[in-house]
C-alpha atoms as a PDB file:
ATOM      1  CA  MET A   1      36.047  47.438 -68.941  1.00  0.00           C
ATOM      2  CA  SER A   2      34.521  49.768 -71.160  1.00  0.00           C
ATOM      3  CA  LEU A   3      30.532  50.527 -71.744  1.00  0.00           C
ATOM      4  CA  PHE A   4      28.833  49.638 -74.634  1.00  0.00           C
ATOM      5  CA  PRO A   5      28.343  52.405 -76.996  1.00  0.00           C
ATOM      6  CA  GLY A   6      25.459  54.976 -75.606  1.00  0.00           C
ATOM      7  CA  ILE A   7      25.623  54.255 -72.230  1.00  0.00           C
ATOM      8  CA  PRO A   8      26.686  56.998 -70.706  1.00  0.00           C
ATOM      9  CA  GLU A   9      24.360  58.807 -72.245  1.00  0.00           C
ATOM     10  CA  LEU A  10      21.219  56.861 -71.177  1.00  0.00           C
ATOM     11  CA  VAL A  11      22.372  56.567 -67.552  1.00  0.00           C
ATOM     12  CA  ARG A  12      22.523  60.755 -67.803  1.00  0.00           C
ATOM     13  CA  GLY A  13      19.498  61.202 -69.064  1.00  0.00           C
ATOM     14  CA  ALA A  14      18.011  58.327 -66.671  1.00  0.00           C
ATOM     15  CA  SER A  15      19.830  59.930 -63.492  1.00  0.00           C
ATOM     16  CA  ASP A  16      18.185  63.400 -64.395  1.00  0.00           C
ATOM     17  CA  ARG A  17      14.739  61.976 -64.223  1.00  0.00           C
ATOM     18  CA  CYS A  18      14.722  59.609 -61.255  1.00  0.00           C
ATOM     19  CA  PRO A  19      16.743  57.676 -58.653  1.00  0.00           C
ATOM     20  CA  CYS A  20      19.052  54.835 -60.249  1.00  0.00           C
ATOM     21  CA  ALA A  21      21.051  52.036 -58.687  1.00  0.00           C
ATOM     22  CA  ILE A  22      23.431  49.497 -59.303  1.00  0.00           C
ATOM     23  CA  VAL A  23      22.572  45.760 -58.358  1.00  0.00           C
ATOM     24  CA  SER A  24      25.963  43.503 -59.175  1.00  0.00           C
ATOM     25  CA  GLY A  25      27.839  40.881 -58.767  1.00  0.00           C
ATOM     26  CA  THR A  26      31.086  42.760 -59.314  1.00  0.00           C
ATOM     27  CA  LEU A  27      33.275  44.188 -56.838  1.00  0.00           C
ATOM     28  CA  ARG A  28      32.516  47.665 -55.644  1.00  0.00           C
ATOM     29  CA  ALA A  29      36.136  48.925 -56.313  1.00  0.00           C
ATOM     30  CA  GLU A  30      35.759  47.825 -60.272  1.00  0.00           C
ATOM     31  CA  ILE A  31      31.936  49.114 -60.356  1.00  0.00           C
ATOM     32  CA  HIS A  32      33.666  52.491 -58.775  1.00  0.00           C
ATOM     33  CA  GLY A  33      36.412  52.622 -61.281  1.00  0.00           C
ATOM     34  CA  VAL A  34      33.986  52.519 -64.157  1.00  0.00           C
ATOM     35  CA  LEU A  35      31.695  54.795 -63.195  1.00  0.00           C
ATOM     36  CA  ARG A  36      34.714  57.044 -62.675  1.00  0.00           C
ATOM     37  CA  ARG A  37      36.349  56.297 -65.974  1.00  0.00           C
ATOM     38  CA  HIS A  38      33.262  57.641 -67.508  1.00  0.00           C
ATOM     39  CA  GLY A  39      31.761  60.335 -65.074  1.00  0.00           C
ATOM     40  CA  LEU A  40      29.159  58.813 -63.721  1.00  0.00           C
ATOM     41  CA  GLU A  41      30.116  58.200 -60.579  1.00  0.00           C
ATOM     42  CA  HIS A  42      27.323  60.588 -58.756  1.00  0.00           C
ATOM     43  CA  ARG A  43      24.484  59.379 -60.909  1.00  0.00           C
ATOM     44  CA  PHE A  44      23.601  56.243 -58.845  1.00  0.00           C
ATOM     45  CA  SER A  45      22.263  56.720 -55.303  1.00  0.00           C
ATOM     46  CA  ALA A  46      22.598  53.393 -54.450  1.00  0.00           C
ATOM     47  CA  LEU A  47      25.172  50.443 -55.301  1.00  0.00           C
ATOM     48  CA  VAL A  48      25.192  47.038 -54.355  1.00  0.00           C
ATOM     49  CA  ALA A  49      28.047  44.807 -54.922  1.00  0.00           C
ATOM     50  CA  ALA A  50      29.790  41.330 -54.427  1.00  0.00           C
ATOM     51  CA  ASP A  51      31.749  42.867 -51.552  1.00  0.00           C
ATOM     52  CA  ASP A  52      28.477  43.564 -49.611  1.00  0.00           C
ATOM     53  CA  GLY A  53      27.881  39.692 -48.626  1.00  0.00           C
ATOM     54  CA  LEU A  54      24.578  38.874 -49.957  1.00  0.00           C
ATOM     55  CA  PRO A  55      23.165  35.735 -52.112  1.00  0.00           C
ATOM     56  CA  SER A  56      23.792  36.417 -55.971  1.00  0.00           C
ATOM     57  CA  LYS A  57      21.590  37.677 -58.339  1.00  0.00           C
ATOM     58  CA  PRO A  58      18.733  36.209 -58.583  1.00  0.00           C
ATOM     59  CA  ALA A  59      18.554  36.195 -54.866  1.00  0.00           C
ATOM     60  CA  PRO A  60      15.869  39.507 -53.788  1.00  0.00           C
ATOM     61  CA  GLY A  61      18.268  40.654 -51.251  1.00  0.00           C
ATOM     62  CA  GLY A  62      20.573  42.777 -53.441  1.00  0.00           C
ATOM     63  CA  TYR A  63      17.375  44.679 -54.635  1.00  0.00           C
ATOM     64  CA  ARG A  64      15.514  45.038 -51.611  1.00  0.00           C
ATOM     65  CA  LEU A  65      19.080  46.746 -50.224  1.00  0.00           C
ATOM     66  CA  ALA A  66      19.381  48.949 -53.092  1.00  0.00           C
ATOM     67  CA  LEU A  67      15.609  50.550 -52.790  1.00  0.00           C
END
């Protein structure tokens, strides 16, 4: 999986200014792989993934956990 152009720079800039989190319906291992490939694995203070067993979006549980 790749990222849209400009996303790595956007994430770096945003995470330098404030805490960032990912809430995704994707498996944790897949998210970690993409973040690692782009050097972004330490840019997020929280990661909520499909394997956390919460109801999927738009249910608020994943967002609450990330906060």
